[in-house]
Amino acid sequence: MTSTDDTPTATPTGEDGQLVMVHLRVADADRAGVFFGALFGWETERVPFDDHVSHYTVNTDVTVRLRDDPGAPPVIPIYGVGDVAATIRAVEAAGGTISASEPEPDGGGWAQGTDDQGLPLLVYRPGRYHEHAPPSRRPTGQVGLVFVREDLPRARAFYGSLFGWALQPEYPGSHYADAVPRVGVFDEAAVSGEPVPVSATLFLEVDAL
C-alpha cells in the first residue's frame, strides 16, 4: 500500500516512537520472574491469561513483559504513540501490516503488527497504567538496547514516515544507526554480503559485570 494525499497518517510529536516496553518470550514466566528477580532485582506483577502467564516488571525504566506464550515472537519492541488509530493507518501506508488492534475513539488503545520487512512491533498510548504496589528497590539491570537487524535504508523510510526517526549512521560508511534511546538498527546483510533474517535482540545494561 502506498501513501496518498487522502490517507491520514500519524504525525510525529517528538514522543511518538519512544521505547516504552519490551515483550520477551520465555519458556516459563514464573521461573523467569524468579530468575531475573534474583539476578537483577526485578520486581514483577504476575498476570494470568487464558492459556499463558506474563510477568511485568514494575521497577525498571522500560517495562519488560516476561511472556510464556509459545506463539509470540522472541522479542517485540513496544512504542508509545499519541494516536493509535492514526498510527495504524500510517503503518499500513508505509507498507507494514497490522495483525490485531483495539483503537479507541480518543486516540488510545493498542495495535500489533510488523514493519515492511516483517519485524514485529506494537504501539499503544501510554498513561493508563494498571495500579500495582510501588517498587521497593532499584534494579541492577535495565533494558540497554533493542538491537534490530534489517535493511537500514528501508528502515529509515518506514520509521521515518511513522515516527520521524532519522536513523543516521554513526559515521560515514557505518551500517549501524541509533533510532531512539535504547533502540538501534544494524544492516548486517550489507556488512556480510549475505541475506540475514530480520530480528530483534534484547540487550540488558547492568551496574557491574
N, C-alpha and C. Protein backbone atom coordinates (compact mmCIF):
# COMPACT_ATOMS: atom_id res chain seq x y z
N MET A 1 0.84 -1.19 0.00
CA MET A 1 0.00 0.00 0.00
C MET A 1 0.88 1.24 0.00
N THR A 2 0.52 2.25 -0.75
CA THR A 2 1.29 3.48 -0.81
C THR A 2 0.49 4.60 -0.21
N SER A 3 1.20 5.62 0.26
CA SER A 3 0.54 6.76 0.87
C SER A 3 -0.05 7.67 -0.19
N THR A 4 -1.25 8.19 0.07
CA THR A 4 -1.86 9.15 -0.82
C THR A 4 -2.24 10.38 -0.04
N ASP A 5 -2.63 11.44 -0.77
CA ASP A 5 -2.95 12.70 -0.11
C ASP A 5 -4.11 12.56 0.87
N ASP A 6 -5.03 11.62 0.60
CA ASP A 6 -6.19 11.49 1.47
C ASP A 6 -6.03 10.35 2.48
N THR A 7 -4.80 9.83 2.64
CA THR A 7 -4.56 8.79 3.63
C THR A 7 -4.06 9.44 4.91
N PRO A 8 -4.86 9.42 6.00
CA PRO A 8 -4.39 10.01 7.25
C PRO A 8 -3.19 9.25 7.76
N THR A 9 -2.22 9.97 8.29
CA THR A 9 -1.05 9.34 8.87
C THR A 9 -0.81 9.91 10.25
N ALA A 10 0.01 9.18 11.02
CA ALA A 10 0.36 9.68 12.34
C ALA A 10 1.36 10.82 12.20
N THR A 11 1.19 11.85 12.98
CA THR A 11 2.11 12.99 12.96
C THR A 11 3.10 12.85 14.09
N PRO A 12 4.42 12.74 13.80
CA PRO A 12 5.40 12.62 14.87
C PRO A 12 5.31 13.80 15.82
N THR A 13 5.31 13.50 17.12
CA THR A 13 5.18 14.55 18.13
C THR A 13 6.45 14.77 18.92
N GLY A 14 7.48 13.97 18.66
CA GLY A 14 8.67 14.01 19.49
C GLY A 14 8.62 12.94 20.56
N GLU A 15 7.42 12.49 20.92
CA GLU A 15 7.25 11.39 21.86
C GLU A 15 6.86 10.11 21.13
N ASP A 16 6.23 10.23 19.98
CA ASP A 16 5.89 9.04 19.21
C ASP A 16 7.16 8.26 18.88
N GLY A 17 7.07 6.94 19.05
CA GLY A 17 8.20 6.10 18.67
C GLY A 17 9.22 5.89 19.76
N GLN A 18 8.97 6.36 20.98
CA GLN A 18 9.87 6.08 22.08
C GLN A 18 9.60 4.68 22.61
N LEU A 19 10.66 3.96 22.97
CA LEU A 19 10.51 2.62 23.51
C LEU A 19 9.94 2.69 24.92
N VAL A 20 8.78 2.07 25.14
CA VAL A 20 8.14 2.12 26.45
C VAL A 20 8.02 0.74 27.08
N MET A 21 8.12 -0.31 26.30
CA MET A 21 8.01 -1.67 26.83
C MET A 21 8.67 -2.64 25.86
N VAL A 22 9.08 -3.79 26.37
CA VAL A 22 9.61 -4.86 25.53
C VAL A 22 8.98 -6.16 25.99
N HIS A 23 8.44 -6.93 25.04
CA HIS A 23 7.96 -8.27 25.33
C HIS A 23 9.11 -9.24 25.09
N LEU A 24 9.41 -10.07 26.08
CA LEU A 24 10.46 -11.07 25.97
C LEU A 24 9.83 -12.45 26.19
N ARG A 25 9.85 -13.27 25.15
CA ARG A 25 9.27 -14.62 25.25
C ARG A 25 10.18 -15.51 26.07
N VAL A 26 9.59 -16.23 27.01
CA VAL A 26 10.33 -17.18 27.84
C VAL A 26 9.55 -18.48 27.88
N ALA A 27 10.21 -19.56 28.30
CA ALA A 27 9.54 -20.86 28.38
C ALA A 27 8.58 -20.92 29.55
N ASP A 28 8.94 -20.31 30.67
CA ASP A 28 8.13 -20.35 31.88
C ASP A 28 8.22 -18.98 32.54
N ALA A 29 7.15 -18.22 32.50
CA ALA A 29 7.19 -16.85 33.01
C ALA A 29 7.42 -16.79 34.52
N ASP A 30 6.88 -17.75 35.27
CA ASP A 30 7.09 -17.76 36.71
C ASP A 30 8.56 -18.00 37.05
N ARG A 31 9.17 -18.96 36.38
CA ARG A 31 10.59 -19.22 36.61
C ARG A 31 11.44 -18.04 36.16
N ALA A 32 11.07 -17.43 35.04
CA ALA A 32 11.82 -16.27 34.56
C ALA A 32 11.71 -15.11 35.54
N GLY A 33 10.52 -14.91 36.12
CA GLY A 33 10.37 -13.85 37.10
C GLY A 33 11.27 -14.06 38.30
N VAL A 34 11.37 -15.31 38.77
CA VAL A 34 12.26 -15.63 39.89
C VAL A 34 13.72 -15.42 39.50
N PHE A 35 14.07 -15.89 38.29
CA PHE A 35 15.46 -15.79 37.84
C PHE A 35 15.90 -14.33 37.73
N PHE A 36 15.13 -13.52 37.00
CA PHE A 36 15.53 -12.13 36.82
C PHE A 36 15.40 -11.33 38.11
N GLY A 37 14.51 -11.75 38.98
CA GLY A 37 14.43 -11.10 40.27
C GLY A 37 15.69 -11.31 41.08
N ALA A 38 16.19 -12.55 41.07
CA ALA A 38 17.42 -12.84 41.81
C ALA A 38 18.64 -12.23 41.13
N LEU A 39 18.65 -12.20 39.79
CA LEU A 39 19.82 -11.72 39.06
C LEU A 39 19.92 -10.20 39.04
N PHE A 40 18.79 -9.53 38.76
CA PHE A 40 18.81 -8.08 38.56
C PHE A 40 17.93 -7.30 39.54
N GLY A 41 17.30 -8.01 40.46
CA GLY A 41 16.43 -7.30 41.39
C GLY A 41 15.13 -6.82 40.76
N TRP A 42 14.71 -7.45 39.66
CA TRP A 42 13.46 -7.06 39.04
C TRP A 42 12.28 -7.45 39.92
N GLU A 43 11.38 -6.54 40.12
CA GLU A 43 10.13 -6.81 40.79
C GLU A 43 9.05 -6.85 39.73
N THR A 44 8.20 -7.86 39.78
CA THR A 44 7.23 -8.06 38.71
C THR A 44 5.82 -8.25 39.26
N GLU A 45 4.86 -7.97 38.40
CA GLU A 45 3.47 -8.27 38.68
C GLU A 45 3.06 -9.45 37.80
N ARG A 46 2.50 -10.47 38.43
CA ARG A 46 2.09 -11.68 37.69
C ARG A 46 0.67 -11.48 37.16
N VAL A 47 0.50 -11.70 35.85
CA VAL A 47 -0.80 -11.53 35.22
C VAL A 47 -1.13 -12.80 34.44
N PRO A 48 -2.12 -13.59 34.88
CA PRO A 48 -2.51 -14.79 34.12
C PRO A 48 -3.44 -14.43 32.97
N PHE A 49 -3.26 -15.11 31.86
CA PHE A 49 -4.16 -15.01 30.71
C PHE A 49 -4.84 -16.36 30.51
N ASP A 50 -5.60 -16.51 29.45
CA ASP A 50 -6.35 -17.75 29.24
C ASP A 50 -5.45 -18.96 29.18
N ASP A 51 -4.35 -18.85 28.42
CA ASP A 51 -3.51 -20.03 28.20
C ASP A 51 -2.04 -19.80 28.50
N HIS A 52 -1.71 -18.66 29.12
CA HIS A 52 -0.31 -18.41 29.48
C HIS A 52 -0.25 -17.38 30.60
N VAL A 53 0.95 -17.16 31.08
CA VAL A 53 1.20 -16.24 32.18
C VAL A 53 2.22 -15.21 31.74
N SER A 54 2.08 -13.99 32.22
CA SER A 54 3.07 -12.95 31.98
C SER A 54 3.49 -12.34 33.31
N HIS A 55 4.72 -11.90 33.37
CA HIS A 55 5.22 -11.10 34.49
C HIS A 55 5.68 -9.76 33.92
N TYR A 56 5.15 -8.66 34.46
CA TYR A 56 5.52 -7.30 34.04
C TYR A 56 6.42 -6.68 35.10
N THR A 57 7.57 -6.18 34.69
CA THR A 57 8.43 -5.51 35.66
C THR A 57 7.80 -4.19 36.10
N VAL A 58 7.96 -3.86 37.38
CA VAL A 58 7.37 -2.63 37.92
C VAL A 58 8.44 -1.67 38.44
N ASN A 59 9.71 -2.06 38.38
CA ASN A 59 10.76 -1.18 38.90
C ASN A 59 11.87 -0.91 37.89
N THR A 60 11.61 -1.16 36.60
CA THR A 60 12.60 -0.85 35.56
C THR A 60 12.16 0.39 34.79
N ASP A 61 13.13 1.08 34.20
CA ASP A 61 12.82 2.30 33.43
C ASP A 61 11.94 1.99 32.23
N VAL A 62 12.26 0.92 31.54
CA VAL A 62 11.43 0.41 30.45
C VAL A 62 10.80 -0.90 30.93
N THR A 63 9.49 -0.99 30.87
CA THR A 63 8.81 -2.20 31.34
C THR A 63 9.17 -3.39 30.47
N VAL A 64 9.46 -4.51 31.11
CA VAL A 64 9.72 -5.77 30.41
C VAL A 64 8.59 -6.73 30.74
N ARG A 65 7.98 -7.29 29.72
CA ARG A 65 6.95 -8.31 29.92
C ARG A 65 7.58 -9.67 29.63
N LEU A 66 7.71 -10.50 30.65
CA LEU A 66 8.18 -11.87 30.50
C LEU A 66 6.96 -12.71 30.16
N ARG A 67 6.94 -13.26 28.98
CA ARG A 67 5.72 -13.82 28.41
C ARG A 67 5.96 -15.27 27.97
N ASP A 68 5.17 -16.21 28.50
CA ASP A 68 5.41 -17.61 28.15
C ASP A 68 4.46 -18.11 27.07
N ASP A 69 4.02 -17.22 26.20
CA ASP A 69 3.19 -17.58 25.06
C ASP A 69 4.09 -18.13 23.95
N PRO A 70 4.03 -19.44 23.68
CA PRO A 70 4.96 -20.02 22.68
C PRO A 70 4.74 -19.50 21.27
N GLY A 71 3.57 -18.91 20.99
CA GLY A 71 3.32 -18.39 19.66
C GLY A 71 3.79 -16.97 19.44
N ALA A 72 4.31 -16.34 20.47
CA ALA A 72 4.76 -14.95 20.36
C ALA A 72 6.17 -14.87 19.80
N PRO A 73 6.52 -13.79 19.10
CA PRO A 73 7.90 -13.61 18.67
C PRO A 73 8.84 -13.54 19.88
N PRO A 74 10.12 -13.85 19.69
CA PRO A 74 11.06 -13.82 20.83
C PRO A 74 11.15 -12.45 21.50
N VAL A 75 11.19 -11.39 20.70
CA VAL A 75 11.30 -10.03 21.24
C VAL A 75 10.36 -9.13 20.44
N ILE A 76 9.55 -8.35 21.14
CA ILE A 76 8.69 -7.37 20.49
C ILE A 76 8.95 -6.01 21.12
N PRO A 77 9.45 -5.03 20.37
CA PRO A 77 9.56 -3.67 20.91
C PRO A 77 8.20 -3.00 20.88
N ILE A 78 7.87 -2.26 21.93
CA ILE A 78 6.59 -1.57 22.03
C ILE A 78 6.88 -0.08 22.13
N TYR A 79 6.24 0.71 21.26
CA TYR A 79 6.49 2.13 21.17
C TYR A 79 5.26 2.92 21.61
N GLY A 80 5.50 4.02 22.30
CA GLY A 80 4.42 4.90 22.69
C GLY A 80 4.02 5.81 21.55
N VAL A 81 2.72 6.03 21.38
CA VAL A 81 2.20 6.95 20.35
C VAL A 81 1.07 7.77 20.93
N GLY A 82 0.80 8.91 20.32
CA GLY A 82 -0.26 9.78 20.79
C GLY A 82 -1.63 9.42 20.24
N ASP A 83 -1.66 8.75 19.07
CA ASP A 83 -2.93 8.42 18.43
C ASP A 83 -2.79 7.05 17.77
N VAL A 84 -3.37 6.04 18.39
CA VAL A 84 -3.21 4.67 17.89
C VAL A 84 -3.88 4.49 16.54
N ALA A 85 -5.08 5.02 16.36
CA ALA A 85 -5.79 4.84 15.09
C ALA A 85 -4.99 5.46 13.94
N ALA A 86 -4.45 6.65 14.15
CA ALA A 86 -3.64 7.29 13.11
C ALA A 86 -2.37 6.50 12.84
N THR A 87 -1.79 5.92 13.89
CA THR A 87 -0.57 5.13 13.70
C THR A 87 -0.86 3.87 12.91
N ILE A 88 -2.02 3.24 13.13
CA ILE A 88 -2.40 2.07 12.34
C ILE A 88 -2.42 2.42 10.86
N ARG A 89 -3.03 3.55 10.54
CA ARG A 89 -3.10 3.96 9.13
C ARG A 89 -1.70 4.25 8.59
N ALA A 90 -0.86 4.82 9.42
CA ALA A 90 0.50 5.14 8.97
C ALA A 90 1.32 3.88 8.74
N VAL A 91 1.16 2.88 9.61
CA VAL A 91 1.87 1.61 9.42
C VAL A 91 1.47 0.98 8.08
N GLU A 92 0.19 0.93 7.80
CA GLU A 92 -0.27 0.31 6.56
C GLU A 92 0.13 1.14 5.34
N ALA A 93 0.11 2.45 5.47
CA ALA A 93 0.51 3.30 4.35
C ALA A 93 1.98 3.15 4.02
N ALA A 94 2.79 2.83 5.04
CA ALA A 94 4.23 2.68 4.83
C ALA A 94 4.62 1.28 4.39
N GLY A 95 3.63 0.37 4.27
CA GLY A 95 3.91 -0.98 3.79
C GLY A 95 3.95 -2.03 4.88
N GLY A 96 3.69 -1.64 6.14
CA GLY A 96 3.64 -2.61 7.21
C GLY A 96 2.29 -3.27 7.31
N THR A 97 2.13 -4.13 8.29
CA THR A 97 0.87 -4.84 8.49
C THR A 97 0.41 -4.69 9.93
N ILE A 98 -0.89 -4.72 10.14
CA ILE A 98 -1.49 -4.74 11.47
C ILE A 98 -2.25 -6.06 11.60
N SER A 99 -1.88 -6.86 12.60
CA SER A 99 -2.50 -8.18 12.75
C SER A 99 -3.58 -8.19 13.82
N ALA A 100 -3.51 -7.26 14.77
CA ALA A 100 -4.51 -7.18 15.83
C ALA A 100 -4.49 -5.77 16.39
N SER A 101 -5.65 -5.25 16.76
CA SER A 101 -5.68 -3.89 17.29
C SER A 101 -6.97 -3.63 18.04
N GLU A 102 -6.93 -2.69 18.95
CA GLU A 102 -8.10 -2.19 19.66
C GLU A 102 -7.97 -0.68 19.81
N PRO A 103 -8.11 0.07 18.71
CA PRO A 103 -8.03 1.53 18.82
C PRO A 103 -9.27 2.08 19.51
N GLU A 104 -9.09 3.19 20.21
CA GLU A 104 -10.19 3.81 20.92
C GLU A 104 -10.50 5.17 20.30
N PRO A 105 -11.73 5.66 20.43
CA PRO A 105 -12.11 6.92 19.78
C PRO A 105 -11.26 8.12 20.19
N ASP A 106 -10.72 8.10 21.40
CA ASP A 106 -9.94 9.25 21.87
C ASP A 106 -8.47 9.16 21.48
N GLY A 107 -8.11 8.16 20.66
CA GLY A 107 -6.72 8.00 20.23
C GLY A 107 -5.95 6.97 21.01
N GLY A 108 -6.54 6.44 22.09
CA GLY A 108 -5.87 5.44 22.88
C GLY A 108 -5.98 4.06 22.26
N GLY A 109 -5.69 3.04 23.08
CA GLY A 109 -5.75 1.67 22.61
C GLY A 109 -4.37 1.12 22.27
N TRP A 110 -4.36 0.09 21.44
CA TRP A 110 -3.10 -0.56 21.06
C TRP A 110 -3.25 -1.20 19.69
N ALA A 111 -2.11 -1.54 19.10
CA ALA A 111 -2.10 -2.25 17.82
C ALA A 111 -0.80 -3.02 17.70
N GLN A 112 -0.89 -4.20 17.12
CA GLN A 112 0.28 -5.06 16.92
C GLN A 112 0.37 -5.47 15.47
N GLY A 113 1.59 -5.57 14.97
CA GLY A 113 1.79 -5.99 13.59
C GLY A 113 3.26 -6.13 13.28
N THR A 114 3.64 -5.79 12.04
CA THR A 114 5.02 -5.85 11.61
C THR A 114 5.34 -4.63 10.76
N ASP A 115 6.63 -4.32 10.68
CA ASP A 115 7.03 -3.27 9.75
C ASP A 115 7.09 -3.86 8.34
N ASP A 116 7.56 -3.09 7.37
CA ASP A 116 7.52 -3.56 5.98
C ASP A 116 8.56 -4.63 5.68
N GLN A 117 9.42 -4.95 6.68
CA GLN A 117 10.38 -6.04 6.50
C GLN A 117 10.02 -7.27 7.33
N GLY A 118 8.91 -7.19 8.05
CA GLY A 118 8.45 -8.35 8.82
C GLY A 118 8.86 -8.35 10.27
N LEU A 119 9.48 -7.27 10.75
CA LEU A 119 9.88 -7.21 12.15
C LEU A 119 8.67 -6.88 13.02
N PRO A 120 8.43 -7.64 14.09
CA PRO A 120 7.28 -7.36 14.95
C PRO A 120 7.39 -5.98 15.61
N LEU A 121 6.26 -5.33 15.79
CA LEU A 121 6.19 -4.11 16.56
C LEU A 121 4.80 -3.98 17.16
N LEU A 122 4.72 -3.24 18.25
CA LEU A 122 3.45 -2.99 18.91
C LEU A 122 3.45 -1.54 19.35
N VAL A 123 2.31 -0.88 19.28
CA VAL A 123 2.19 0.51 19.70
C VAL A 123 1.01 0.65 20.65
N TYR A 124 1.11 1.58 21.57
CA TYR A 124 -0.02 1.94 22.40
C TYR A 124 0.21 3.32 22.96
N ARG A 125 -0.84 3.93 23.50
CA ARG A 125 -0.68 5.26 24.08
C ARG A 125 -0.47 5.11 25.58
N PRO A 126 0.71 5.47 26.07
CA PRO A 126 1.00 5.33 27.49
C PRO A 126 0.10 6.24 28.34
N GLY A 127 0.01 5.89 29.60
CA GLY A 127 -0.69 6.77 30.53
C GLY A 127 -1.75 6.08 31.35
N ARG A 128 -2.31 4.97 30.85
CA ARG A 128 -3.35 4.26 31.60
C ARG A 128 -2.75 3.00 32.21
N TYR A 129 -1.96 3.19 33.22
CA TYR A 129 -1.29 2.06 33.83
C TYR A 129 -2.17 1.39 34.88
N HIS A 130 -2.09 0.09 34.92
CA HIS A 130 -2.79 -0.67 35.95
C HIS A 130 -2.12 -0.39 37.30
N GLU A 131 -2.91 -0.18 38.32
CA GLU A 131 -2.36 0.10 39.64
C GLU A 131 -1.66 -1.15 40.18
N HIS A 132 -0.48 -0.93 40.74
CA HIS A 132 0.24 -2.03 41.37
C HIS A 132 1.00 -1.48 42.57
N ALA A 133 1.48 -2.38 43.40
CA ALA A 133 2.23 -1.95 44.57
C ALA A 133 3.49 -1.21 44.14
N PRO A 134 3.87 -0.15 44.84
CA PRO A 134 5.08 0.58 44.45
C PRO A 134 6.31 -0.29 44.62
N PRO A 135 7.30 -0.11 43.75
CA PRO A 135 8.53 -0.91 43.87
C PRO A 135 9.27 -0.59 45.16
N SER A 136 10.03 -1.54 45.62
CA SER A 136 10.76 -1.38 46.89
C SER A 136 12.25 -1.20 46.70
N ARG A 137 12.74 -1.33 45.45
CA ARG A 137 14.18 -1.22 45.23
C ARG A 137 14.45 -0.87 43.78
N ARG A 138 15.67 -0.39 43.55
CA ARG A 138 16.12 -0.15 42.19
C ARG A 138 16.77 -1.41 41.65
N PRO A 139 16.51 -1.74 40.38
CA PRO A 139 17.14 -2.94 39.82
C PRO A 139 18.60 -2.68 39.48
N THR A 140 19.34 -3.75 39.33
CA THR A 140 20.74 -3.65 38.90
C THR A 140 20.90 -3.94 37.42
N GLY A 141 19.80 -4.24 36.75
CA GLY A 141 19.82 -4.48 35.31
C GLY A 141 18.64 -3.78 34.66
N GLN A 142 18.90 -3.09 33.55
CA GLN A 142 17.87 -2.36 32.82
C GLN A 142 17.92 -2.74 31.33
N VAL A 143 16.85 -2.43 30.62
CA VAL A 143 16.89 -2.57 29.17
C VAL A 143 17.97 -1.64 28.64
N GLY A 144 18.94 -2.22 27.95
CA GLY A 144 20.02 -1.41 27.41
C GLY A 144 19.80 -1.07 25.94
N LEU A 145 19.42 -2.08 25.16
CA LEU A 145 19.27 -1.87 23.71
C LEU A 145 18.40 -2.95 23.11
N VAL A 146 17.45 -2.55 22.30
CA VAL A 146 16.78 -3.47 21.38
C VAL A 146 17.54 -3.36 20.06
N PHE A 147 18.27 -4.40 19.73
CA PHE A 147 19.18 -4.41 18.59
C PHE A 147 18.45 -5.01 17.40
N VAL A 148 18.08 -4.17 16.45
CA VAL A 148 17.30 -4.59 15.29
C VAL A 148 18.24 -4.85 14.12
N ARG A 149 18.07 -6.00 13.49
CA ARG A 149 18.83 -6.33 12.29
C ARG A 149 17.88 -6.30 11.09
N GLU A 150 18.04 -5.32 10.23
CA GLU A 150 17.27 -5.26 8.99
C GLU A 150 17.89 -4.23 8.07
N ASP A 151 17.36 -4.16 6.85
CA ASP A 151 17.88 -3.23 5.85
C ASP A 151 17.74 -1.80 6.35
N LEU A 152 18.85 -1.09 6.43
CA LEU A 152 18.83 0.24 7.04
C LEU A 152 18.10 1.28 6.18
N PRO A 153 18.33 1.38 4.87
CA PRO A 153 17.57 2.36 4.08
C PRO A 153 16.07 2.14 4.14
N ARG A 154 15.64 0.87 4.09
CA ARG A 154 14.20 0.59 4.20
C ARG A 154 13.67 0.95 5.58
N ALA A 155 14.44 0.66 6.61
CA ALA A 155 14.02 1.03 7.97
C ALA A 155 13.92 2.54 8.11
N ARG A 156 14.86 3.26 7.49
CA ARG A 156 14.84 4.72 7.55
C ARG A 156 13.56 5.26 6.90
N ALA A 157 13.18 4.68 5.77
CA ALA A 157 11.98 5.14 5.08
C ALA A 157 10.73 4.81 5.89
N PHE A 158 10.65 3.58 6.41
CA PHE A 158 9.44 3.15 7.13
C PHE A 158 9.30 3.92 8.44
N TYR A 159 10.32 3.88 9.29
CA TYR A 159 10.20 4.50 10.61
C TYR A 159 10.32 6.02 10.54
N GLY A 160 10.92 6.52 9.46
CA GLY A 160 10.92 7.96 9.27
C GLY A 160 9.53 8.49 9.04
N SER A 161 8.76 7.77 8.21
CA SER A 161 7.39 8.20 7.94
C SER A 161 6.49 7.94 9.14
N LEU A 162 6.78 6.89 9.90
CA LEU A 162 5.92 6.51 11.02
C LEU A 162 6.19 7.35 12.27
N PHE A 163 7.47 7.48 12.64
CA PHE A 163 7.83 8.13 13.90
C PHE A 163 8.73 9.34 13.74
N GLY A 164 9.21 9.59 12.53
CA GLY A 164 10.15 10.68 12.34
C GLY A 164 11.59 10.32 12.67
N TRP A 165 11.90 9.01 12.75
CA TRP A 165 13.27 8.60 13.02
C TRP A 165 14.19 9.00 11.87
N ALA A 166 15.36 9.54 12.19
CA ALA A 166 16.33 9.91 11.17
C ALA A 166 17.22 8.73 10.78
N LEU A 167 17.60 7.90 11.75
CA LEU A 167 18.45 6.73 11.52
C LEU A 167 19.71 7.10 10.74
N GLN A 168 20.45 8.07 11.26
CA GLN A 168 21.70 8.46 10.66
C GLN A 168 22.83 7.54 11.13
N PRO A 169 23.65 7.01 10.22
CA PRO A 169 24.75 6.14 10.64
C PRO A 169 25.68 6.84 11.63
N GLU A 170 26.33 6.05 12.47
CA GLU A 170 27.22 6.60 13.48
C GLU A 170 28.36 7.40 12.85
N TYR A 171 28.85 6.94 11.69
CA TYR A 171 29.94 7.61 10.99
C TYR A 171 29.84 7.22 9.51
N PRO A 172 30.46 7.96 8.61
CA PRO A 172 30.35 7.64 7.19
C PRO A 172 30.75 6.20 6.90
N GLY A 173 29.89 5.50 6.19
CA GLY A 173 30.16 4.11 5.85
C GLY A 173 29.66 3.11 6.87
N SER A 174 29.19 3.59 8.03
CA SER A 174 28.68 2.68 9.05
C SER A 174 27.32 2.13 8.63
N HIS A 175 27.06 0.92 9.04
CA HIS A 175 25.77 0.30 8.76
C HIS A 175 24.93 0.17 10.03
N TYR A 176 25.31 0.91 11.06
CA TYR A 176 24.54 0.94 12.31
C TYR A 176 24.05 2.35 12.56
N ALA A 177 22.81 2.47 13.06
CA ALA A 177 22.26 3.79 13.38
C ALA A 177 21.42 3.70 14.65
N ASP A 178 21.61 4.67 15.54
CA ASP A 178 20.72 4.79 16.69
C ASP A 178 19.38 5.33 16.22
N ALA A 179 18.30 4.81 16.79
CA ALA A 179 16.96 5.27 16.43
C ALA A 179 16.46 6.24 17.49
N VAL A 180 16.07 5.72 18.62
CA VAL A 180 15.68 6.47 19.80
C VAL A 180 16.43 5.84 20.96
N PRO A 181 16.41 6.44 22.15
CA PRO A 181 17.11 5.80 23.27
C PRO A 181 16.70 4.33 23.43
N ARG A 182 17.72 3.48 23.48
CA ARG A 182 17.57 2.03 23.70
C ARG A 182 17.09 1.27 22.46
N VAL A 183 17.16 1.87 21.30
CA VAL A 183 16.83 1.16 20.05
C VAL A 183 17.87 1.51 18.99
N GLY A 184 18.42 0.50 18.35
CA GLY A 184 19.36 0.72 17.26
C GLY A 184 19.10 -0.23 16.12
N VAL A 185 19.48 0.16 14.91
CA VAL A 185 19.26 -0.65 13.71
C VAL A 185 20.60 -0.94 13.05
N PHE A 186 20.86 -2.22 12.77
CA PHE A 186 22.11 -2.65 12.15
C PHE A 186 21.79 -3.41 10.88
N ASP A 187 22.39 -2.97 9.77
CA ASP A 187 22.21 -3.62 8.47
C ASP A 187 23.29 -4.68 8.32
N GLU A 188 23.08 -5.83 8.96
CA GLU A 188 24.08 -6.89 8.95
C GLU A 188 24.28 -7.48 7.56
N ALA A 189 23.21 -7.53 6.77
CA ALA A 189 23.32 -8.08 5.42
C ALA A 189 24.24 -7.23 4.56
N ALA A 190 24.20 -5.91 4.75
CA ALA A 190 25.07 -5.03 3.97
C ALA A 190 26.54 -5.23 4.34
N VAL A 191 26.79 -5.61 5.58
CA VAL A 191 28.16 -5.85 6.04
C VAL A 191 28.67 -7.20 5.55
N SER A 192 27.85 -8.24 5.68
CA SER A 192 28.29 -9.59 5.36
C SER A 192 28.17 -9.91 3.88
N GLY A 193 27.29 -9.20 3.17
CA GLY A 193 27.05 -9.52 1.77
C GLY A 193 26.19 -10.75 1.59
N GLU A 194 25.61 -11.25 2.68
CA GLU A 194 24.75 -12.42 2.63
C GLU A 194 23.37 -12.06 3.20
N PRO A 195 22.32 -12.76 2.76
CA PRO A 195 21.00 -12.50 3.34
C PRO A 195 20.99 -12.79 4.84
N VAL A 196 20.37 -11.91 5.60
CA VAL A 196 20.26 -12.08 7.05
C VAL A 196 18.80 -11.87 7.44
N PRO A 197 18.19 -12.84 8.11
CA PRO A 197 16.80 -12.67 8.52
C PRO A 197 16.65 -11.47 9.45
N VAL A 198 15.55 -10.74 9.32
CA VAL A 198 15.31 -9.63 10.23
C VAL A 198 15.07 -10.19 11.62
N SER A 199 15.52 -9.47 12.64
CA SER A 199 15.37 -9.95 14.01
C SER A 199 15.55 -8.79 14.97
N ALA A 200 15.14 -9.03 16.20
CA ALA A 200 15.37 -8.07 17.28
C ALA A 200 15.91 -8.82 18.47
N THR A 201 17.00 -8.32 19.06
CA THR A 201 17.64 -8.93 20.21
C THR A 201 17.63 -7.95 21.37
N LEU A 202 17.30 -8.43 22.55
CA LEU A 202 17.28 -7.57 23.73
C LEU A 202 18.61 -7.66 24.46
N PHE A 203 19.27 -6.51 24.62
CA PHE A 203 20.49 -6.43 25.42
C PHE A 203 20.15 -5.71 26.73
N LEU A 204 20.72 -6.19 27.81
CA LEU A 204 20.48 -5.60 29.13
C LEU A 204 21.72 -4.87 29.63
N GLU A 205 21.49 -3.74 30.26
CA GLU A 205 22.57 -2.92 30.83
C GLU A 205 22.65 -3.20 32.32
N VAL A 206 23.84 -3.52 32.81
CA VAL A 206 23.99 -3.89 34.22
C VAL A 206 24.94 -2.92 34.92
N ASP A 207 24.78 -2.84 36.23
CA ASP A 207 25.64 -1.96 37.01
C ASP A 207 27.08 -2.43 37.00
N ALA A 208 27.29 -3.74 37.04
CA ALA A 208 28.65 -4.28 37.05
C ALA A 208 28.61 -5.69 36.49
N LEU A 209 29.59 -6.00 35.62
CA LEU A 209 29.68 -7.36 35.09
C LEU A 209 30.25 -8.33 36.10
